[in-house]
Amino acid sequence: MAAAGPKELGKAVLACNGLAQLELPLSNWRLNDYDEIAPAFNAAMGNDFAEIIFQPTLRFVRQALGQPRKIKHLDIACGTGVLLLKLAKAMVTESTGIDLSEGQIRQARLGAVSAGVRATFRVGDIVTAPFPERCDLVTCNMDALNHIHDLRDWEKVFRKVRGCLRDGGLFLFDV
């Protein structure tokens, strides 16, 4: 009996109504490897997801924080920054986004320019990257926390978030 060769894993195809498409061999895929798919990811998922969660998020933030003149917002694992940008346009914010993927951050910066929003985007691992101080709001959406596989790292992130929030600040996340 002949030995079987390597198993073909197929390809992941990310597409959005024909606007953007990318085929990526699954054998090349690594966890947190969004650099190559950032433009297609943004077109296929980012804007749609942000649109779905934006209004409920905005209502909740305004209810929890009141109507402050200006808020300081940190979006960890921000991806292409679409939620951060929507919140920045709806509220006067000092906004910072941090993501592990250079490609996602590149898309976020392009989105900020396109939207006319001033925001800071940095490449960094949310477990180890420094966070700004005295934030009113920290967000982490699109199940991004699920990319953290070690419970000790979850604890580090939650402690860092607590440390960067001002008294009465808010951490909104999903899993």
Protein backbone atom coordinates (compact mmCIF):
# COMPACT_ATOMS: atom_id res chain seq x y z
CA MET A 1 0.00 0.00 0.00
CA ALA A 2 1.42 3.37 -1.00
CA ALA A 3 1.77 6.06 1.60
CA ALA A 4 -0.68 8.89 1.25
CA GLY A 5 0.71 12.29 0.36
CA PRO A 6 0.01 15.46 2.29
CA LYS A 7 -3.68 16.12 2.66
CA GLU A 8 -4.95 19.01 0.53
CA LEU A 9 -6.74 21.34 2.90
CA GLY A 10 -8.39 23.41 0.19
CA LYS A 11 -8.70 27.16 0.06
CA ALA A 12 -10.47 29.78 2.08
CA VAL A 13 -12.31 32.25 -0.10
CA LEU A 14 -13.38 35.54 1.36
CA ALA A 15 -15.70 37.56 -0.84
CA CYS A 16 -18.34 40.25 -0.54
CA ASN A 17 -20.85 40.62 -3.37
CA GLY A 18 -18.04 40.43 -5.89
CA LEU A 19 -16.45 43.60 -4.48
CA ALA A 20 -13.42 41.93 -2.98
CA GLN A 21 -12.23 38.39 -3.15
CA LEU A 22 -9.17 36.61 -1.91
CA GLU A 23 -8.27 32.93 -2.11
CA LEU A 24 -5.81 31.74 0.47
CA PRO A 25 -4.52 28.16 0.66
CA LEU A 26 -5.50 26.87 4.10
CA SER A 27 -2.12 25.19 4.44
CA ASN A 28 -0.62 28.71 4.57
CA TRP A 29 -3.07 30.04 7.16
CA ARG A 30 -1.78 30.88 10.63
CA LEU A 31 -3.74 32.07 13.64
CA ASN A 32 -3.98 35.87 13.67
CA ASP A 33 -2.71 36.06 10.09
CA TYR A 34 -4.93 38.86 8.82
CA ASP A 35 -2.26 40.82 6.93
CA GLU A 36 -3.00 39.24 3.55
CA ILE A 37 -6.77 39.34 3.85
CA ALA A 38 -7.23 42.79 5.43
CA PRO A 39 -8.79 44.53 2.38
CA ALA A 40 -11.15 41.62 1.66
CA PHE A 41 -11.95 41.21 5.35
CA ASN A 42 -12.84 44.88 5.62
CA ALA A 43 -15.06 44.75 2.52
CA ALA A 44 -16.70 41.43 3.41
CA MET A 45 -17.24 41.79 7.14
CA GLY A 46 -15.97 44.93 8.79
CA ASN A 47 -18.45 47.53 7.62
CA ASP A 48 -21.46 45.21 7.82
CA PHE A 49 -20.63 44.10 11.34
CA ALA A 50 -19.94 47.63 12.53
CA GLU A 51 -23.25 48.77 11.08
CA ILE A 52 -25.10 46.03 12.96
CA ILE A 53 -23.56 46.81 16.35
CA PHE A 54 -23.03 50.56 15.99
CA GLN A 55 -26.44 51.95 17.04
CA PRO A 56 -26.86 49.64 20.06
CA THR A 57 -23.27 50.36 21.11
CA LEU A 58 -23.72 54.11 20.73
CA ARG A 59 -26.97 54.07 22.74
CA PHE A 60 -25.37 51.98 25.50
CA VAL A 61 -22.25 54.18 25.68
CA ARG A 62 -24.33 57.36 25.86
CA GLN A 63 -26.56 55.83 28.53
CA ALA A 64 -23.60 54.60 30.61
CA LEU A 65 -21.34 57.64 30.21
CA GLY A 66 -23.96 60.34 29.77
CA GLN A 67 -23.36 62.98 27.12
CA PRO A 68 -19.73 63.89 27.78
CA ARG A 69 -18.17 66.65 25.69
CA LYS A 70 -15.36 64.36 24.69
CA ILE A 71 -14.43 60.75 25.46
CA LYS A 72 -11.17 58.88 25.29
CA HIS A 73 -11.72 55.58 23.46
CA LEU A 74 -9.39 52.59 23.08
CA ASP A 75 -10.36 49.78 20.71
CA ILE A 76 -8.21 46.70 21.36
CA ALA A 77 -7.85 44.11 18.59
CA CYS A 78 -9.49 46.82 16.48
CA GLY A 79 -9.03 45.07 13.14
CA THR A 80 -9.73 47.57 10.38
CA GLY A 81 -11.09 50.07 12.89
CA VAL A 82 -14.62 50.36 11.51
CA LEU A 83 -16.40 50.50 14.89
CA LEU A 84 -13.83 52.93 16.29
CA LEU A 85 -14.31 55.20 13.26
CA LYS A 86 -18.12 55.12 13.50
CA LEU A 87 -17.99 55.98 17.20
CA ALA A 88 -15.44 58.72 16.56
CA LYS A 89 -17.75 60.33 13.99
CA ALA A 90 -20.80 60.10 16.27
CA MET A 91 -19.06 61.37 19.41
CA VAL A 92 -16.12 63.68 19.89
CA THR A 93 -13.40 61.22 20.77
CA GLU A 94 -9.71 60.83 21.26
CA SER A 95 -9.46 57.41 19.63
CA THR A 96 -6.73 54.78 19.65
CA GLY A 97 -6.85 51.36 18.00
CA ILE A 98 -4.41 48.52 18.57
CA ASP A 99 -4.24 45.35 16.49
CA LEU A 100 -1.71 42.57 15.91
CA SER A 101 -2.03 42.74 12.13
CA GLU A 102 -0.10 45.34 10.14
CA GLY A 103 -2.53 44.81 7.25
CA GLN A 104 -5.56 45.51 9.43
CA ILE A 105 -3.94 48.65 10.85
CA ARG A 106 -3.07 49.80 7.33
CA GLN A 107 -6.76 49.45 6.39
CA ALA A 108 -7.80 51.27 9.58
CA ARG A 109 -5.53 54.22 8.75
CA LEU A 110 -6.92 54.38 5.22
CA GLY A 111 -10.44 54.27 6.64
CA ALA A 112 -9.68 57.14 9.02
CA VAL A 113 -8.42 59.31 6.16
CA SER A 114 -11.44 58.40 4.04
CA ALA A 115 -13.86 59.16 6.89
CA GLY A 116 -12.10 62.37 7.86
CA VAL A 117 -11.51 61.07 11.39
CA ARG A 118 -8.43 61.73 13.50
CA ALA A 119 -7.42 58.51 15.22
CA THR A 120 -4.23 56.77 16.24
CA PHE A 121 -3.71 53.18 15.11
CA ARG A 122 -0.82 51.04 16.35
CA VAL A 123 0.37 47.54 15.60
CA GLY A 124 0.69 45.58 18.81
CA ASP A 125 -0.26 42.49 20.75
CA ILE A 126 -3.01 43.46 23.21
CA VAL A 127 -1.46 41.18 25.83
CA THR A 128 1.84 43.09 25.87
CA ALA A 129 1.31 46.47 24.15
CA PRO A 130 0.97 49.52 26.39
CA PHE A 131 -2.51 51.03 26.67
CA PRO A 132 -3.26 54.74 26.99
CA GLU A 133 -4.27 55.97 30.44
CA ARG A 134 -7.61 57.27 31.74
CA CYS A 135 -9.86 55.96 28.98
CA ASP A 136 -13.60 56.47 29.21
CA LEU A 137 -14.32 53.56 26.90
CA VAL A 138 -12.48 50.40 25.86
CA THR A 139 -13.99 48.16 23.19
CA CYS A 140 -13.05 44.76 21.83
CA ASN A 141 -15.46 43.30 19.30
CA MET A 142 -15.92 40.66 16.60
CA ASP A 143 -14.98 37.90 19.04
CA ALA A 144 -11.38 39.13 19.00
CA LEU A 145 -10.76 37.96 22.57
CA ASN A 146 -11.29 34.39 21.34
CA HIS A 147 -7.88 34.61 19.66
CA ILE A 148 -6.32 34.57 23.14
CA HIS A 149 -5.90 30.93 24.08
CA ASP A 150 -4.11 31.18 27.41
CA LEU A 151 -6.25 32.12 30.41
CA ARG A 152 -3.27 33.90 31.96
CA ASP A 153 -3.22 36.20 28.92
CA TRP A 154 -6.96 36.85 29.31
CA GLU A 155 -6.24 37.91 32.88
CA LYS A 156 -3.40 40.18 31.73
CA VAL A 157 -5.65 41.87 29.17
CA PHE A 158 -8.49 42.37 31.64
CA ARG A 159 -6.10 43.79 34.25
CA LYS A 160 -4.59 46.14 31.66
CA VAL A 161 -8.06 47.28 30.60
CA ARG A 162 -9.04 47.94 34.22
CA GLY A 163 -5.79 49.83 34.72
CA CYS A 164 -6.37 52.08 31.72
CA LEU A 165 -10.01 52.92 32.49
CA ARG A 166 -10.84 56.04 34.47
CA ASP A 167 -13.24 55.62 37.39
CA GLY A 168 -16.68 55.01 35.89
CA GLY A 169 -15.15 53.94 32.56
CA LEU A 170 -16.70 51.23 30.44
CA PHE A 171 -15.32 48.04 28.82
CA LEU A 172 -17.53 46.65 26.05
CA PHE A 173 -16.54 43.31 24.53
CA ASP A 174 -18.05 40.21 22.99
CA VAL A 175 -16.96 36.57 22.88
